[in-house]
Amino acid sequence: MPKLPLISGKELVKVFAKVGYEIDHQTGSHVILRQKDAPHRRLTIPNHNEIAKGTLRAIIREAGLTREEFFEIQEK
């Protein structure tokens, strides 16, 4: 299984936009994404230059994705 990439908050927002998330609002340095279709999940993405690996792993899990699915989406 490949290692999680070093990714910025801005890049992560773009990855989740590919699977139906859109920016709901921003509070400080955190971007809140909302899923367009049911189940309307909300994700909080820190808008940092580099997201910690544990934080990235938790965000992927909250989105209902596996690591493999995340890598496939990121490569598109």
PDB file of N, CA and C in Angstrom:
ATOM      1  N   MET A   1       0.849  -1.172   0.000  1.00  0.00           N
ATOM      2  CA  MET A   1       0.000   0.000   0.000  1.00  0.00           C
ATOM      3  C   MET A   1       0.898   1.240   0.000  1.00  0.00           C
ATOM      4  N   PRO A   2       0.669   2.169  -0.922  1.00  0.00           N
ATOM      5  CA  PRO A   2       1.520   3.361  -0.981  1.00  0.00           C
ATOM      6  C   PRO A   2       1.322   4.272   0.228  1.00  0.00           C
ATOM      7  N   LYS A   3       2.348   5.044   0.496  1.00  0.00           N
ATOM      8  CA  LYS A   3       2.280   5.994   1.607  1.00  0.00           C
ATOM      9  C   LYS A   3       1.348   7.146   1.250  1.00  0.00           C
ATOM     10  N   LEU A   4       0.795   7.752   2.277  1.00  0.00           N
ATOM     11  CA  LEU A   4      -0.039   8.935   2.060  1.00  0.00           C
ATOM     12  C   LEU A   4       0.846  10.078   1.569  1.00  0.00           C
ATOM     13  N   PRO A   5       0.342  10.853   0.610  1.00  0.00           N
ATOM     14  CA  PRO A   5       1.159  11.925   0.049  1.00  0.00           C
ATOM     15  C   PRO A   5       1.184  13.161   0.943  1.00  0.00           C
ATOM     16  N   LEU A   6       2.198  13.980   0.756  1.00  0.00           N
ATOM     17  CA  LEU A   6       2.192  15.310   1.365  1.00  0.00           C
ATOM     18  C   LEU A   6       1.325  16.159   0.459  1.00  0.00           C
ATOM     19  N   ILE A   7       0.260  16.702   0.998  1.00  0.00           N
ATOM     20  CA  ILE A   7      -0.718  17.417   0.195  1.00  0.00           C
ATOM     21  C   ILE A   7      -1.155  18.664   0.950  1.00  0.00           C
ATOM     22  N   SER A   8      -1.437  19.725   0.214  1.00  0.00           N
ATOM     23  CA  SER A   8      -1.896  20.966   0.854  1.00  0.00           C
ATOM     24  C   SER A   8      -3.413  20.932   0.973  1.00  0.00           C
ATOM     25  N   GLY A   9      -3.943  21.824   1.775  1.00  0.00           N
ATOM     26  CA  GLY A   9      -5.394  21.916   1.935  1.00  0.00           C
ATOM     27  C   GLY A   9      -6.084  22.267   0.634  1.00  0.00           C
ATOM     28  N   LYS A  10      -5.486  23.163  -0.136  1.00  0.00           N
ATOM     29  CA  LYS A  10      -6.059  23.589  -1.413  1.00  0.00           C
ATOM     30  C   LYS A  10      -6.145  22.414  -2.394  1.00  0.00           C
ATOM     31  N   GLU A  11      -5.085  21.593  -2.449  1.00  0.00           N
ATOM     32  CA  GLU A  11      -5.081  20.423  -3.325  1.00  0.00           C
ATOM     33  C   GLU A  11      -6.104  19.396  -2.866  1.00  0.00           C
ATOM     34  N   LEU A  12      -6.266  19.233  -1.555  1.00  0.00           N
ATOM     35  CA  LEU A  12      -7.215  18.268  -1.016  1.00  0.00           C
ATOM     36  C   LEU A  12      -8.653  18.672  -1.337  1.00  0.00           C
ATOM     37  N   VAL A  13      -8.937  19.975  -1.307  1.00  0.00           N
ATOM     38  CA  VAL A  13     -10.271  20.462  -1.684  1.00  0.00           C
ATOM     39  C   VAL A  13     -10.555  20.088  -3.139  1.00  0.00           C
ATOM     40  N   LYS A  14      -9.552  20.210  -4.010  1.00  0.00           N
ATOM     41  CA  LYS A  14      -9.727  19.854  -5.424  1.00  0.00           C
ATOM     42  C   LYS A  14      -9.994  18.368  -5.597  1.00  0.00           C
ATOM     43  N   VAL A  15      -9.317  17.526  -4.805  1.00  0.00           N
ATOM     44  CA  VAL A  15      -9.522  16.076  -4.888  1.00  0.00           C
ATOM     45  C   VAL A  15     -10.958  15.735  -4.489  1.00  0.00           C
ATOM     46  N   PHE A  16     -11.449  16.316  -3.405  1.00  0.00           N
ATOM     47  CA  PHE A  16     -12.798  15.997  -2.951  1.00  0.00           C
ATOM     48  C   PHE A  16     -13.872  16.608  -3.847  1.00  0.00           C
ATOM     49  N   ALA A  17     -13.530  17.647  -4.592  1.00  0.00           N
ATOM     50  CA  ALA A  17     -14.477  18.209  -5.563  1.00  0.00           C
ATOM     51  C   ALA A  17     -14.768  17.197  -6.666  1.00  0.00           C
ATOM     52  N   LYS A  18     -13.807  16.324  -6.957  1.00  0.00           N
ATOM     53  CA  LYS A  18     -13.992  15.298  -7.991  1.00  0.00           C
ATOM     54  C   LYS A  18     -15.031  14.252  -7.594  1.00  0.00           C
ATOM     55  N   VAL A  19     -15.294  14.091  -6.297  1.00  0.00           N
ATOM     56  CA  VAL A  19     -16.256  13.082  -5.841  1.00  0.00           C
ATOM     57  C   VAL A  19     -17.525  13.705  -5.282  1.00  0.00           C
ATOM     58  N   GLY A  20     -17.803  14.958  -5.637  1.00  0.00           N
ATOM     59  CA  GLY A  20     -19.087  15.545  -5.297  1.00  0.00           C
ATOM     60  C   GLY A  20     -19.132  16.455  -4.092  1.00  0.00           C
ATOM     61  N   TYR A  21     -17.993  16.896  -3.605  1.00  0.00           N
ATOM     62  CA  TYR A  21     -17.988  17.855  -2.489  1.00  0.00           C
ATOM     63  C   TYR A  21     -17.821  19.259  -3.058  1.00  0.00           C
ATOM     64  N   GLU A  22     -18.463  20.212  -2.416  1.00  0.00           N
ATOM     65  CA  GLU A  22     -18.300  21.608  -2.809  1.00  0.00           C
ATOM     66  C   GLU A  22     -18.061  22.446  -1.563  1.00  0.00           C
ATOM     67  N   ILE A  23     -17.435  23.593  -1.749  1.00  0.00           N
ATOM     68  CA  ILE A  23     -17.130  24.469  -0.616  1.00  0.00           C
ATOM     69  C   ILE A  23     -18.421  25.055  -0.081  1.00  0.00           C
ATOM     70  N   ASP A  24     -18.662  24.850   1.205  1.00  0.00           N
ATOM     71  CA  ASP A  24     -19.836  25.408   1.873  1.00  0.00           C
ATOM     72  C   ASP A  24     -19.479  26.786   2.427  1.00  0.00           C
ATOM     73  N   HIS A  25     -18.397  26.835   3.205  1.00  0.00           N
ATOM     74  CA  HIS A  25     -17.905  28.108   3.722  1.00  0.00           C
ATOM     75  C   HIS A  25     -16.503  27.906   4.286  1.00  0.00           C
ATOM     76  N   GLN A  26     -15.895  29.002   4.723  1.00  0.00           N
ATOM     77  CA  GLN A  26     -14.578  28.941   5.331  1.00  0.00           C
ATOM     78  C   GLN A  26     -14.616  29.693   6.644  1.00  0.00           C
ATOM     79  N   THR A  27     -14.050  29.076   7.668  1.00  0.00           N
ATOM     80  CA  THR A  27     -13.944  29.703   8.969  1.00  0.00           C
ATOM     81  C   THR A  27     -12.474  29.737   9.340  1.00  0.00           C
ATOM     82  N   GLY A  28     -11.897  30.912   9.327  1.00  0.00           N
ATOM     83  CA  GLY A  28     -10.475  31.037   9.619  1.00  0.00           C
ATOM     84  C   GLY A  28      -9.658  30.307   8.584  1.00  0.00           C
ATOM     85  N   SER A  29      -8.817  29.372   9.043  1.00  0.00           N
ATOM     86  CA  SER A  29      -7.962  28.635   8.116  1.00  0.00           C
ATOM     87  C   SER A  29      -8.531  27.254   7.791  1.00  0.00           C
ATOM     88  N   HIS A  30      -9.823  27.046   8.009  1.00  0.00           N
ATOM     89  CA  HIS A  30     -10.455  25.763   7.730  1.00  0.00           C
ATOM     90  C   HIS A  30     -11.566  25.932   6.699  1.00  0.00           C
ATOM     91  N   VAL A  31     -11.518  25.091   5.661  1.00  0.00           N
ATOM     92  CA  VAL A  31     -12.528  25.105   4.612  1.00  0.00           C
ATOM     93  C   VAL A  31     -13.528  23.999   4.922  1.00  0.00           C
ATOM     94  N   ILE A  32     -14.808  24.327   4.923  1.00  0.00           N
ATOM     95  CA  ILE A  32     -15.857  23.364   5.192  1.00  0.00           C
ATOM     96  C   ILE A  32     -16.462  22.931   3.858  1.00  0.00           C
ATOM     97  N   LEU A  33     -16.378  21.633   3.577  1.00  0.00           N
ATOM     98  CA  LEU A  33     -16.943  21.082   2.351  1.00  0.00           C
ATOM     99  C   LEU A  33     -18.233  20.368   2.678  1.00  0.00           C
ATOM    100  N   ARG A  34     -19.157  20.360   1.727  1.00  0.00           N
ATOM    101  CA  ARG A  34     -20.416  19.653   1.907  1.00  0.00           C
ATOM    102  C   ARG A  34     -20.670  18.809   0.668  1.00  0.00           C
ATOM    103  N   GLN A  35     -21.136  17.592   0.878  1.00  0.00           N
ATOM    104  CA  GLN A  35     -21.431  16.688  -0.222  1.00  0.00           C
ATOM    105  C   GLN A  35     -22.738  17.103  -0.880  1.00  0.00           C
ATOM    106  N   LYS A  36     -22.742  17.167  -2.230  1.00  0.00           N
ATOM    107  CA  LYS A  36     -23.930  17.608  -2.970  1.00  0.00           C
ATOM    108  C   LYS A  36     -25.089  16.642  -2.805  1.00  0.00           C
ATOM    109  N   ASP A  37     -24.807  15.351  -2.883  1.00  0.00           N
ATOM    110  CA  ASP A  37     -25.855  14.328  -2.822  1.00  0.00           C
ATOM    111  C   ASP A  37     -25.875  13.670  -1.450  1.00  0.00           C
ATOM    112  N   ALA A  38     -26.964  12.938  -1.187  1.00  0.00           N
ATOM    113  CA  ALA A  38     -27.077  12.222   0.084  1.00  0.00           C
ATOM    114  C   ALA A  38     -25.876  11.312   0.243  1.00  0.00           C
ATOM    115  N   PRO A  39     -25.319  11.172   1.387  1.00  0.00           N
ATOM    116  CA  PRO A  39     -25.782  11.513   2.724  1.00  0.00           C
ATOM    117  C   PRO A  39     -25.373  12.904   3.205  1.00  0.00           C
ATOM    118  N   HIS A  40     -24.956  13.803   2.333  1.00  0.00           N
ATOM    119  CA  HIS A  40     -24.629  15.201   2.656  1.00  0.00           C
ATOM    120  C   HIS A  40     -23.597  15.316   3.781  1.00  0.00           C
ATOM    121  N   ARG A  41     -22.527  14.550   3.650  1.00  0.00           N
ATOM    122  CA  ARG A  41     -21.450  14.622   4.645  1.00  0.00           C
ATOM    123  C   ARG A  41     -20.782  15.998   4.608  1.00  0.00           C
ATOM    124  N   ARG A  42     -20.224  16.385   5.745  1.00  0.00           N
ATOM    125  CA  ARG A  42     -19.455  17.631   5.834  1.00  0.00           C
ATOM    126  C   ARG A  42     -18.040  17.274   6.238  1.00  0.00           C
ATOM    127  N   LEU A  43     -17.094  17.902   5.590  1.00  0.00           N
ATOM    128  CA  LEU A  43     -15.689  17.696   5.900  1.00  0.00           C
ATOM    129  C   LEU A  43     -15.046  19.028   6.243  1.00  0.00           C
ATOM    130  N   THR A  44     -14.165  19.016   7.211  1.00  0.00           N
ATOM    131  CA  THR A  44     -13.399  20.203   7.564  1.00  0.00           C
ATOM    132  C   THR A  44     -11.969  19.971   7.111  1.00  0.00           C
ATOM    133  N   ILE A  45     -11.507  20.816   6.194  1.00  0.00           N
ATOM    134  CA  ILE A  45     -10.168  20.693   5.625  1.00  0.00           C
ATOM    135  C   ILE A  45      -9.332  21.870   6.109  1.00  0.00           C
ATOM    136  N   PRO A  46      -8.231  21.605   6.831  1.00  0.00           N
ATOM    137  CA  PRO A  46      -7.357  22.714   7.208  1.00  0.00           C
ATOM    138  C   PRO A  46      -6.664  23.274   5.972  1.00  0.00           C
ATOM    139  N   ASN A  47      -6.712  24.564   5.785  1.00  0.00           N
ATOM    140  CA  ASN A  47      -6.115  25.208   4.616  1.00  0.00           C
ATOM    141  C   ASN A  47      -4.656  25.525   4.914  1.00  0.00           C
ATOM    142  N   HIS A  48      -3.867  24.456   5.097  1.00  0.00           N
ATOM    143  CA  HIS A  48      -2.454  24.588   5.420  1.00  0.00           C
ATOM    144  C   HIS A  48      -1.615  24.173   4.226  1.00  0.00           C
ATOM    145  N   ASN A  49      -0.342  24.540   4.245  1.00  0.00           N
ATOM    146  CA  ASN A  49       0.563  24.157   3.162  1.00  0.00           C
ATOM    147  C   ASN A  49       0.791  22.655   3.118  1.00  0.00           C
ATOM    148  N   GLU A  50       0.754  22.023   4.278  1.00  0.00           N
ATOM    149  CA  GLU A  50       0.987  20.589   4.372  1.00  0.00           C
ATOM    150  C   GLU A  50       0.084  20.027   5.462  1.00  0.00           C
ATOM    151  N   ILE A  51      -0.739  19.047   5.097  1.00  0.00           N
ATOM    152  CA  ILE A  51      -1.651  18.438   6.064  1.00  0.00           C
ATOM    153  C   ILE A  51      -0.955  17.231   6.685  1.00  0.00           C
ATOM    154  N   ALA A  52      -1.037  17.116   8.000  1.00  0.00           N
ATOM    155  CA  ALA A  52      -0.420  16.003   8.712  1.00  0.00           C
ATOM    156  C   ALA A  52      -1.036  14.682   8.247  1.00  0.00           C
ATOM    157  N   LYS A  53      -0.235  13.627   8.250  1.00  0.00           N
ATOM    158  CA  LYS A  53      -0.693  12.335   7.745  1.00  0.00           C
ATOM    159  C   LYS A  53      -1.870  11.783   8.544  1.00  0.00           C
ATOM    160  N   GLY A  54      -1.850  11.937   9.851  1.00  0.00           N
ATOM    161  CA  GLY A  54      -2.959  11.464  10.682  1.00  0.00           C
ATOM    162  C   GLY A  54      -4.241  12.224  10.397  1.00  0.00           C
ATOM    163  N   THR A  55      -4.116  13.520  10.173  1.00  0.00           N
ATOM    164  CA  THR A  55      -5.276  14.346   9.829  1.00  0.00           C
ATOM    165  C   THR A  55      -5.830  13.935   8.475  1.00  0.00           C
ATOM    166  N   LEU A  56      -4.948  13.711   7.511  1.00  0.00           N
ATOM    167  CA  LEU A  56      -5.373  13.280   6.181  1.00  0.00           C
ATOM    168  C   LEU A  56      -6.086  11.939   6.250  1.00  0.00           C
ATOM    169  N   ARG A  57      -5.538  11.012   7.021  1.00  0.00           N
ATOM    170  CA  ARG A  57      -6.154   9.690   7.184  1.00  0.00           C
ATOM    171  C   ARG A  57      -7.553   9.819   7.783  1.00  0.00           C
ATOM    172  N   ALA A  58      -7.719  10.691   8.768  1.00  0.00           N
ATOM    173  CA  ALA A  58      -9.021  10.896   9.406  1.00  0.00           C
ATOM    174  C   ALA A  58     -10.023  11.528   8.428  1.00  0.00           C
ATOM    175  N   ILE A  59      -9.579  12.475   7.616  1.00  0.00           N
ATOM    176  CA  ILE A  59     -10.464  13.129   6.644  1.00  0.00           C
ATOM    177  C   ILE A  59     -10.928  12.126   5.600  1.00  0.00           C
ATOM    178  N   ILE A  60     -10.016  11.273   5.138  1.00  0.00           N
ATOM    179  CA  ILE A  60     -10.389  10.237   4.163  1.00  0.00           C
ATOM    180  C   ILE A  60     -11.437   9.306   4.763  1.00  0.00           C
ATOM    181  N   ARG A  61     -11.250   8.924   6.007  1.00  0.00           N
ATOM    182  CA  ARG A  61     -12.201   8.036   6.690  1.00  0.00           C
ATOM    183  C   ARG A  61     -13.562   8.718   6.852  1.00  0.00           C
ATOM    184  N   GLU A  62     -13.571  10.013   7.226  1.00  0.00           N
ATOM    185  CA  GLU A  62     -14.818  10.746   7.392  1.00  0.00           C
ATOM    186  C   GLU A  62     -15.580  10.877   6.078  1.00  0.00           C
ATOM    187  N   ALA A  63     -14.836  10.898   4.974  1.00  0.00           N
ATOM    188  CA  ALA A  63     -15.469  11.010   3.658  1.00  0.00           C
ATOM    189  C   ALA A  63     -16.070   9.675   3.209  1.00  0.00           C
ATOM    190  N   GLY A  64     -15.808   8.628   3.955  1.00  0.00           N
ATOM    191  CA  GLY A  64     -16.353   7.319   3.602  1.00  0.00           C
ATOM    192  C   GLY A  64     -15.555   6.636   2.509  1.00  0.00           C
ATOM    193  N   LEU A  65     -14.277   7.001   2.364  1.00  0.00           N
ATOM    194  CA  LEU A  65     -13.421   6.425   1.334  1.00  0.00           C
ATOM    195  C   LEU A  65     -12.359   5.540   1.968  1.00  0.00           C
ATOM    196  N   THR A  66     -11.847   4.607   1.171  1.00  0.00           N
ATOM    197  CA  THR A  66     -10.680   3.847   1.593  1.00  0.00           C
ATOM    198  C   THR A  66      -9.455   4.563   1.047  1.00  0.00           C
ATOM    199  N   ARG A  67      -8.288   4.170   1.520  1.00  0.00           N
ATOM    200  CA  ARG A  67      -7.053   4.786   1.014  1.00  0.00           C
ATOM    201  C   ARG A  67      -6.893   4.524  -0.474  1.00  0.00           C
ATOM    202  N   GLU A  68      -7.249   3.302  -0.906  1.00  0.00           N
ATOM    203  CA  GLU A  68      -7.123   2.947  -2.318  1.00  0.00           C
ATOM    204  C   GLU A  68      -8.031   3.825  -3.173  1.00  0.00           C
ATOM    205  N   GLU A  69      -9.272   4.035  -2.726  1.00  0.00           N
ATOM    206  CA  GLU A  69     -10.200   4.891  -3.464  1.00  0.00           C
ATOM    207  C   GLU A  69      -9.672   6.324  -3.534  1.00  0.00           C
ATOM    208  N   PHE A  70      -9.088   6.795  -2.438  1.00  0.00           N
ATOM    209  CA  PHE A  70      -8.524   8.137  -2.402  1.00  0.00           C
ATOM    210  C   PHE A  70      -7.403   8.280  -3.432  1.00  0.00           C
ATOM    211  N   PHE A  71      -6.509   7.271  -3.492  1.00  0.00           N
ATOM    212  CA  PHE A  71      -5.397   7.319  -4.452  1.00  0.00           C
ATOM    213  C   PHE A  71      -5.920   7.321  -5.879  1.00  0.00           C
ATOM    214  N   GLU A  72      -6.964   6.530  -6.168  1.00  0.00           N
ATOM    215  CA  GLU A  72      -7.541   6.490  -7.518  1.00  0.00           C
ATOM    216  C   GLU A  72      -8.120   7.849  -7.901  1.00  0.00           C
ATOM    217  N   ILE A  73      -8.820   8.479  -6.982  1.00  0.00           N
ATOM    218  CA  ILE A  73      -9.429   9.784  -7.244  1.00  0.00           C
ATOM    219  C   ILE A  73      -8.343  10.827  -7.455  1.00  0.00           C
ATOM    220  N   GLN A  74      -7.309  10.776  -6.640  1.00  0.00           N
ATOM    221  CA  GLN A  74      -6.225  11.759  -6.716  1.00  0.00           C
ATOM    222  C   GLN A  74      -5.493  11.672  -8.051  1.00  0.00           C
ATOM    223  N   GLU A  75      -5.378  10.478  -8.602  1.00  0.00           N
ATOM    224  CA  GLU A  75      -4.645  10.285  -9.855  1.00  0.00           C
ATOM    225  C   GLU A  75      -5.399  10.794 -11.074  1.00  0.00           C
ATOM    226  N   LYS A  76      -6.709  10.938 -10.973  1.00  0.00           N
ATOM    227  CA  LYS A  76      -7.522  11.387 -12.122  1.00  0.00           C
ATOM    228  C   LYS A  76      -7.192  12.791 -12.524  1.00  0.00           C
TER     229      LYS A  76
END
